[in-house]
Amino acid sequence: MTFKELLKENCINQAALARKMGVSRERISLWARGTTKPRAESVKKIATILKGPYDTVLNCFYGEHTVGN
């Protein structure tokens, strides 16, 4: 799943997520386009806001990860 798909699935747009995170909409746009990737703290914040698993959000940006391997 891409970050854009994750936002759409959670019925939140980039501007709303930016407001909730306290970052610029431009930063969210850079993440959505894959130009830059968020740091771990931001990934955790996104997961909290979307009430979803951290791994799901992490996989949007960094691909599939296996915890503990």
PDB file of N, CA and C in Angstrom:
ATOM      1  N   MET A   1       0.851  -1.176   0.000  1.00  0.00           N
ATOM      2  CA  MET A   1       0.000   0.000   0.000  1.00  0.00           C
ATOM      3  C   MET A   1       0.895   1.237   0.000  1.00  0.00           C
ATOM      4  N   THR A   2       0.523   2.215  -0.790  1.00  0.00           N
ATOM      5  CA  THR A   2       1.273   3.472  -0.817  1.00  0.00           C
ATOM      6  C   THR A   2       0.752   4.406   0.271  1.00  0.00           C
ATOM      7  N   PHE A   3       1.523   5.435   0.559  1.00  0.00           N
ATOM      8  CA  PHE A   3       1.108   6.428   1.542  1.00  0.00           C
ATOM      9  C   PHE A   3      -0.176   7.122   1.090  1.00  0.00           C
ATOM     10  N   LYS A   4      -0.268   7.433  -0.193  1.00  0.00           N
ATOM     11  CA  LYS A   4      -1.482   8.069  -0.723  1.00  0.00           C
ATOM     12  C   LYS A   4      -2.697   7.171  -0.517  1.00  0.00           C
ATOM     13  N   GLU A   5      -2.536   5.878  -0.773  1.00  0.00           N
ATOM     14  CA  GLU A   5      -3.635   4.934  -0.571  1.00  0.00           C
ATOM     15  C   GLU A   5      -4.023   4.843   0.902  1.00  0.00           C
ATOM     16  N   LEU A   6      -3.025   4.892   1.780  1.00  0.00           N
ATOM     17  CA  LEU A   6      -3.286   4.839   3.218  1.00  0.00           C
ATOM     18  C   LEU A   6      -4.107   6.044   3.657  1.00  0.00           C
ATOM     19  N   LEU A   7      -3.749   7.220   3.152  1.00  0.00           N
ATOM     20  CA  LEU A   7      -4.513   8.423   3.484  1.00  0.00           C
ATOM     21  C   LEU A   7      -5.943   8.312   2.980  1.00  0.00           C
ATOM     22  N   LYS A   8      -6.098   7.866   1.742  1.00  0.00           N
ATOM     23  CA  LYS A   8      -7.430   7.731   1.147  1.00  0.00           C
ATOM     24  C   LYS A   8      -8.269   6.724   1.937  1.00  0.00           C
ATOM     25  N   GLU A   9      -7.671   5.601   2.303  1.00  0.00           N
ATOM     26  CA  GLU A   9      -8.376   4.566   3.058  1.00  0.00           C
ATOM     27  C   GLU A   9      -8.845   5.092   4.427  1.00  0.00           C
ATOM     28  N   ASN A  10      -8.093   6.045   4.983  1.00  0.00           N
ATOM     29  CA  ASN A  10      -8.430   6.608   6.290  1.00  0.00           C
ATOM     30  C   ASN A  10      -9.199   7.926   6.187  1.00  0.00           C
ATOM     31  N   CYS A  11      -9.606   8.261   4.964  1.00  0.00           N
ATOM     32  CA  CYS A  11     -10.426   9.459   4.721  1.00  0.00           C
ATOM     33  C   CYS A  11      -9.804  10.728   5.304  1.00  0.00           C
ATOM     34  N   ILE A  12      -8.517  10.894   5.060  1.00  0.00           N
ATOM     35  CA  ILE A  12      -7.834  12.109   5.506  1.00  0.00           C
ATOM     36  C   ILE A  12      -6.981  12.604   4.348  1.00  0.00           C
ATOM     37  N   ASN A  13      -6.963  13.905   4.163  1.00  0.00           N
ATOM     38  CA  ASN A  13      -6.140  14.450   3.089  1.00  0.00           C
ATOM     39  C   ASN A  13      -4.811  14.958   3.649  1.00  0.00           C
ATOM     40  N   GLN A  14      -3.927  15.332   2.752  1.00  0.00           N
ATOM     41  CA  GLN A  14      -2.586  15.757   3.153  1.00  0.00           C
ATOM     42  C   GLN A  14      -2.625  16.991   4.052  1.00  0.00           C
ATOM     43  N   ALA A  15      -3.486  17.933   3.752  1.00  0.00           N
ATOM     44  CA  ALA A  15      -3.562  19.162   4.544  1.00  0.00           C
ATOM     45  C   ALA A  15      -4.022  18.868   5.972  1.00  0.00           C
ATOM     46  N   ALA A  16      -5.017  18.006   6.115  1.00  0.00           N
ATOM     47  CA  ALA A  16      -5.523  17.666   7.448  1.00  0.00           C
ATOM     48  C   ALA A  16      -4.464  16.926   8.253  1.00  0.00           C
ATOM     49  N   LEU A  17      -3.759  16.005   7.621  1.00  0.00           N
ATOM     50  CA  LEU A  17      -2.706  15.281   8.319  1.00  0.00           C
ATOM     51  C   LEU A  17      -1.595  16.244   8.741  1.00  0.00           C
ATOM     52  N   ALA A  18      -1.241  17.155   7.865  1.00  0.00           N
ATOM     53  CA  ALA A  18      -0.202  18.145   8.183  1.00  0.00           C
ATOM     54  C   ALA A  18      -0.598  18.962   9.412  1.00  0.00           C
ATOM     55  N   ARG A  19      -1.854  19.403   9.462  1.00  0.00           N
ATOM     56  CA  ARG A  19      -2.327  20.179  10.629  1.00  0.00           C
ATOM     57  C   ARG A  19      -2.224  19.364  11.910  1.00  0.00           C
ATOM     58  N   LYS A  20      -2.651  18.113  11.846  1.00  0.00           N
ATOM     59  CA  LYS A  20      -2.633  17.262  13.040  1.00  0.00           C
ATOM     60  C   LYS A  20      -1.215  16.947  13.497  1.00  0.00           C
ATOM     61  N   MET A  21      -0.287  16.908  12.554  1.00  0.00           N
ATOM     62  CA  MET A  21       1.094  16.587  12.894  1.00  0.00           C
ATOM     63  C   MET A  21       1.907  17.823  13.244  1.00  0.00           C
ATOM     64  N   GLY A  22       1.409  18.996  12.867  1.00  0.00           N
ATOM     65  CA  GLY A  22       2.162  20.226  13.106  1.00  0.00           C
ATOM     66  C   GLY A  22       3.316  20.407  12.135  1.00  0.00           C
ATOM     67  N   VAL A  23       3.118  19.911  10.904  1.00  0.00           N
ATOM     68  CA  VAL A  23       4.125  20.085   9.847  1.00  0.00           C
ATOM     69  C   VAL A  23       3.453  20.745   8.648  1.00  0.00           C
ATOM     70  N   SER A  24       4.261  21.134   7.678  1.00  0.00           N
ATOM     71  CA  SER A  24       3.699  21.776   6.492  1.00  0.00           C
ATOM     72  C   SER A  24       3.052  20.745   5.576  1.00  0.00           C
ATOM     73  N   ARG A  25       2.079  21.208   4.801  1.00  0.00           N
ATOM     74  CA  ARG A  25       1.446  20.342   3.814  1.00  0.00           C
ATOM     75  C   ARG A  25       2.474  19.926   2.769  1.00  0.00           C
ATOM     76  N   GLU A  26       3.427  20.807   2.507  1.00  0.00           N
ATOM     77  CA  GLU A  26       4.481  20.508   1.546  1.00  0.00           C
ATOM     78  C   GLU A  26       5.308  19.302   1.993  1.00  0.00           C
ATOM     79  N   ARG A  27       5.557  19.196   3.306  1.00  0.00           N
ATOM     80  CA  ARG A  27       6.314  18.048   3.806  1.00  0.00           C
ATOM     81  C   ARG A  27       5.540  16.752   3.557  1.00  0.00           C
ATOM     82  N   ILE A  28       4.236  16.788   3.835  1.00  0.00           N
ATOM     83  CA  ILE A  28       3.406  15.601   3.594  1.00  0.00           C
ATOM     84  C   ILE A  28       3.423  15.254   2.106  1.00  0.00           C
ATOM     85  N   SER A  29       3.369  16.266   1.261  1.00  0.00           N
ATOM     86  CA  SER A  29       3.392  16.061  -0.183  1.00  0.00           C
ATOM     87  C   SER A  29       4.702  15.408  -0.619  1.00  0.00           C
ATOM     88  N   LEU A  30       5.814  15.834  -0.052  1.00  0.00           N
ATOM     89  CA  LEU A  30       7.108  15.231  -0.378  1.00  0.00           C
ATOM     90  C   LEU A  30       7.122  13.751  -0.007  1.00  0.00           C
ATOM     91  N   TRP A  31       6.551  13.423   1.142  1.00  0.00           N
ATOM     92  CA  TRP A  31       6.459  12.018   1.556  1.00  0.00           C
ATOM     93  C   TRP A  31       5.570  11.243   0.600  1.00  0.00           C
ATOM     94  N   ALA A  32       4.430  11.835   0.226  1.00  0.00           N
ATOM     95  CA  ALA A  32       3.472  11.155  -0.652  1.00  0.00           C
ATOM     96  C   ALA A  32       4.060  10.884  -2.031  1.00  0.00           C
ATOM     97  N   ARG A  33       4.903  11.771  -2.498  1.00  0.00           N
ATOM     98  CA  ARG A  33       5.540  11.596  -3.811  1.00  0.00           C
ATOM     99  C   ARG A  33       6.777  10.716  -3.750  1.00  0.00           C
ATOM    100  N   GLY A  34       7.250  10.431  -2.532  1.00  0.00           N
ATOM    101  CA  GLY A  34       8.447   9.616  -2.383  1.00  0.00           C
ATOM    102  C   GLY A  34       9.734  10.402  -2.537  1.00  0.00           C
ATOM    103  N   THR A  35       9.630  11.731  -2.561  1.00  0.00           N
ATOM    104  CA  THR A  35      10.810  12.578  -2.695  1.00  0.00           C
ATOM    105  C   THR A  35      11.671  12.498  -1.441  1.00  0.00           C
ATOM    106  N   THR A  36      11.017  12.492  -0.287  1.00  0.00           N
ATOM    107  CA  THR A  36      11.694  12.305   0.994  1.00  0.00           C
ATOM    108  C   THR A  36      10.904  11.284   1.796  1.00  0.00           C
ATOM    109  N   LYS A  37      11.514  10.810   2.862  1.00  0.00           N
ATOM    110  CA  LYS A  37      10.847   9.844   3.741  1.00  0.00           C
ATOM    111  C   LYS A  37      10.824  10.400   5.158  1.00  0.00           C
ATOM    112  N   PRO A  38       9.748  10.126   5.878  1.00  0.00           N
ATOM    113  CA  PRO A  38       9.661  10.628   7.251  1.00  0.00           C
ATOM    114  C   PRO A  38      10.584   9.858   8.189  1.00  0.00           C
ATOM    115  N   ARG A  39      10.969  10.532   9.260  1.00  0.00           N
ATOM    116  CA  ARG A  39      11.754   9.879  10.304  1.00  0.00           C
ATOM    117  C   ARG A  39      10.830   9.017  11.146  1.00  0.00           C
ATOM    118  N   ALA A  40      11.436   8.183  11.972  1.00  0.00           N
ATOM    119  CA  ALA A  40      10.680   7.235  12.805  1.00  0.00           C
ATOM    120  C   ALA A  40       9.639   7.942  13.668  1.00  0.00           C
ATOM    121  N   GLU A  41       9.984   9.096  14.226  1.00  0.00           N
ATOM    122  CA  GLU A  41       9.037   9.820  15.080  1.00  0.00           C
ATOM    123  C   GLU A  41       7.790  10.223  14.298  1.00  0.00           C
ATOM    124  N   SER A  42       7.994  10.631  13.062  1.00  0.00           N
ATOM    125  CA  SER A  42       6.860  11.030  12.218  1.00  0.00           C
ATOM    126  C   SER A  42       6.012   9.829  11.826  1.00  0.00           C
ATOM    127  N   VAL A  43       6.666   8.705  11.554  1.00  0.00           N
ATOM    128  CA  VAL A  43       5.925   7.489  11.218  1.00  0.00           C
ATOM    129  C   VAL A  43       5.041   7.098  12.404  1.00  0.00           C
ATOM    130  N   LYS A  44       5.586   7.175  13.614  1.00  0.00           N
ATOM    131  CA  LYS A  44       4.808   6.861  14.821  1.00  0.00           C
ATOM    132  C   LYS A  44       3.621   7.804  14.970  1.00  0.00           C
ATOM    133  N   LYS A  45       3.862   9.086  14.690  1.00  0.00           N
ATOM    134  CA  LYS A  45       2.787  10.082  14.796  1.00  0.00           C
ATOM    135  C   LYS A  45       1.682   9.800  13.789  1.00  0.00           C
ATOM    136  N   ILE A  46       2.055   9.449  12.561  1.00  0.00           N
ATOM    137  CA  ILE A  46       1.075   9.129  11.526  1.00  0.00           C
ATOM    138  C   ILE A  46       0.247   7.922  11.963  1.00  0.00           C
ATOM    139  N   ALA A  47       0.915   6.891  12.470  1.00  0.00           N
ATOM    140  CA  ALA A  47       0.206   5.687  12.923  1.00  0.00           C
ATOM    141  C   ALA A  47      -0.775   6.024  14.036  1.00  0.00           C
ATOM    142  N   THR A  48      -0.368   6.887  14.950  1.00  0.00           N
ATOM    143  CA  THR A  48      -1.248   7.295  16.054  1.00  0.00           C
ATOM    144  C   THR A  48      -2.453   8.058  15.532  1.00  0.00           C
ATOM    145  N   ILE A  49      -2.223   9.001  14.644  1.00  0.00           N
ATOM    146  CA  ILE A  49      -3.305   9.810  14.084  1.00  0.00           C
ATOM    147  C   ILE A  49      -4.290   8.949  13.302  1.00  0.00           C
ATOM    148  N   LEU A  50      -3.763   8.007  12.522  1.00  0.00           N
ATOM    149  CA  LEU A  50      -4.617   7.153  11.701  1.00  0.00           C
ATOM    150  C   LEU A  50      -5.150   5.950  12.472  1.00  0.00           C
ATOM    151  N   LYS A  51      -4.699   5.807  13.721  1.00  0.00           N
ATOM    152  CA  LYS A  51      -5.117   4.676  14.569  1.00  0.00           C
ATOM    153  C   LYS A  51      -4.850   3.346  13.880  1.00  0.00           C
ATOM    154  N   GLY A  52      -3.661   3.267  13.288  1.00  0.00           N
ATOM    155  CA  GLY A  52      -3.281   2.054  12.581  1.00  0.00           C
ATOM    156  C   GLY A  52      -1.965   1.511  13.073  1.00  0.00           C
ATOM    157  N   PRO A  53      -1.612   0.319  12.636  1.00  0.00           N
ATOM    158  CA  PRO A  53      -0.352  -0.290  13.053  1.00  0.00           C
ATOM    159  C   PRO A  53       0.862   0.474  12.517  1.00  0.00           C
ATOM    160  N   TYR A  54       1.851   0.614  13.368  1.00  0.00           N
ATOM    161  CA  TYR A  54       3.106   1.280  12.999  1.00  0.00           C
ATOM    162  C   TYR A  54       3.715   0.613  11.764  1.00  0.00           C
ATOM    163  N   ASP A  55       3.734  -0.722  11.739  1.00  0.00           N
ATOM    164  CA  ASP A  55       4.336  -1.447  10.615  1.00  0.00           C
ATOM    165  C   ASP A  55       3.667  -1.125   9.287  1.00  0.00           C
ATOM    166  N   THR A  56       2.359  -0.936   9.300  1.00  0.00           N
ATOM    167  CA  THR A  56       1.634  -0.606   8.071  1.00  0.00           C
ATOM    168  C   THR A  56       2.109   0.728   7.512  1.00  0.00           C
ATOM    169  N   VAL A  57       2.247   1.710   8.390  1.00  0.00           N
ATOM    170  CA  VAL A  57       2.719   3.034   7.959  1.00  0.00           C
ATOM    171  C   VAL A  57       4.180   2.943   7.516  1.00  0.00           C
ATOM    172  N   LEU A  58       4.990   2.258   8.290  1.00  0.00           N
ATOM    173  CA  LEU A  58       6.403   2.101   7.955  1.00  0.00           C
ATOM    174  C   LEU A  58       6.572   1.476   6.580  1.00  0.00           C
ATOM    175  N   ASN A  59       5.766   0.460   6.283  1.00  0.00           N
ATOM    176  CA  ASN A  59       5.853  -0.217   4.988  1.00  0.00           C
ATOM    177  C   ASN A  59       5.492   0.689   3.820  1.00  0.00           C
ATOM    178  N   CYS A  60       4.672   1.685   4.054  1.00  0.00           N
ATOM    179  CA  CYS A  60       4.334   2.643   2.988  1.00  0.00           C
ATOM    180  C   CYS A  60       5.574   3.374   2.495  1.00  0.00           C
ATOM    181  N   PHE A  61       6.509   3.603   3.398  1.00  0.00           N
ATOM    182  CA  PHE A  61       7.693   4.393   3.061  1.00  0.00           C
ATOM    183  C   PHE A  61       8.942   3.570   2.819  1.00  0.00           C
ATOM    184  N   TYR A  62       9.074   2.467   3.535  1.00  0.00           N
ATOM    185  CA  TYR A  62      10.332   1.726   3.505  1.00  0.00           C
ATOM    186  C   TYR A  62      10.182   0.295   3.025  1.00  0.00           C
ATOM    187  N   GLY A  63       8.995  -0.102   2.574  1.00  0.00           N
ATOM    188  CA  GLY A  63       8.785  -1.447   2.081  1.00  0.00           C
ATOM    189  C   GLY A  63       8.547  -2.427   3.201  1.00  0.00           C
ATOM    190  N   GLU A  64       8.430  -3.688   2.851  1.00  0.00           N
ATOM    191  CA  GLU A  64       8.118  -4.724   3.828  1.00  0.00           C
ATOM    192  C   GLU A  64       9.293  -4.931   4.776  1.00  0.00           C
ATOM    193  N   HIS A  65       8.970  -4.985   6.065  1.00  0.00           N
ATOM    194  CA  HIS A  65       9.956  -5.236   7.108  1.00  0.00           C
ATOM    195  C   HIS A  65       9.462  -6.358   7.994  1.00  0.00           C
ATOM    196  N   THR A  66      10.365  -7.158   8.445  1.00  0.00           N
ATOM    197  CA  THR A  66      10.025  -8.199   9.387  1.00  0.00           C
ATOM    198  C   THR A  66      10.639  -7.823  10.720  1.00  0.00           C
ATOM    199  N   VAL A  67       9.829  -7.628  11.718  1.00  0.00           N
ATOM    200  CA  VAL A  67      10.309  -7.242  13.031  1.00  0.00           C
ATOM    201  C   VAL A  67      11.090  -8.410  13.623  1.00  0.00           C
ATOM    202  N   GLY A  68      12.272  -8.107  14.153  1.00  0.00           N
ATOM    203  CA  GLY A  68      13.083  -9.129  14.800  1.00  0.00           C
ATOM    204  C   GLY A  68      14.017  -9.884  13.880  1.00  0.00           C
ATOM    205  N   ASN A  69      14.007  -9.583  12.609  1.00  0.00           N
ATOM    206  CA  ASN A  69      14.919 -10.266  11.676  1.00  0.00           C
ATOM    207  C   ASN A  69      15.898  -9.292  11.068  1.00  0.00           C
TER     208      ASN A  69
END
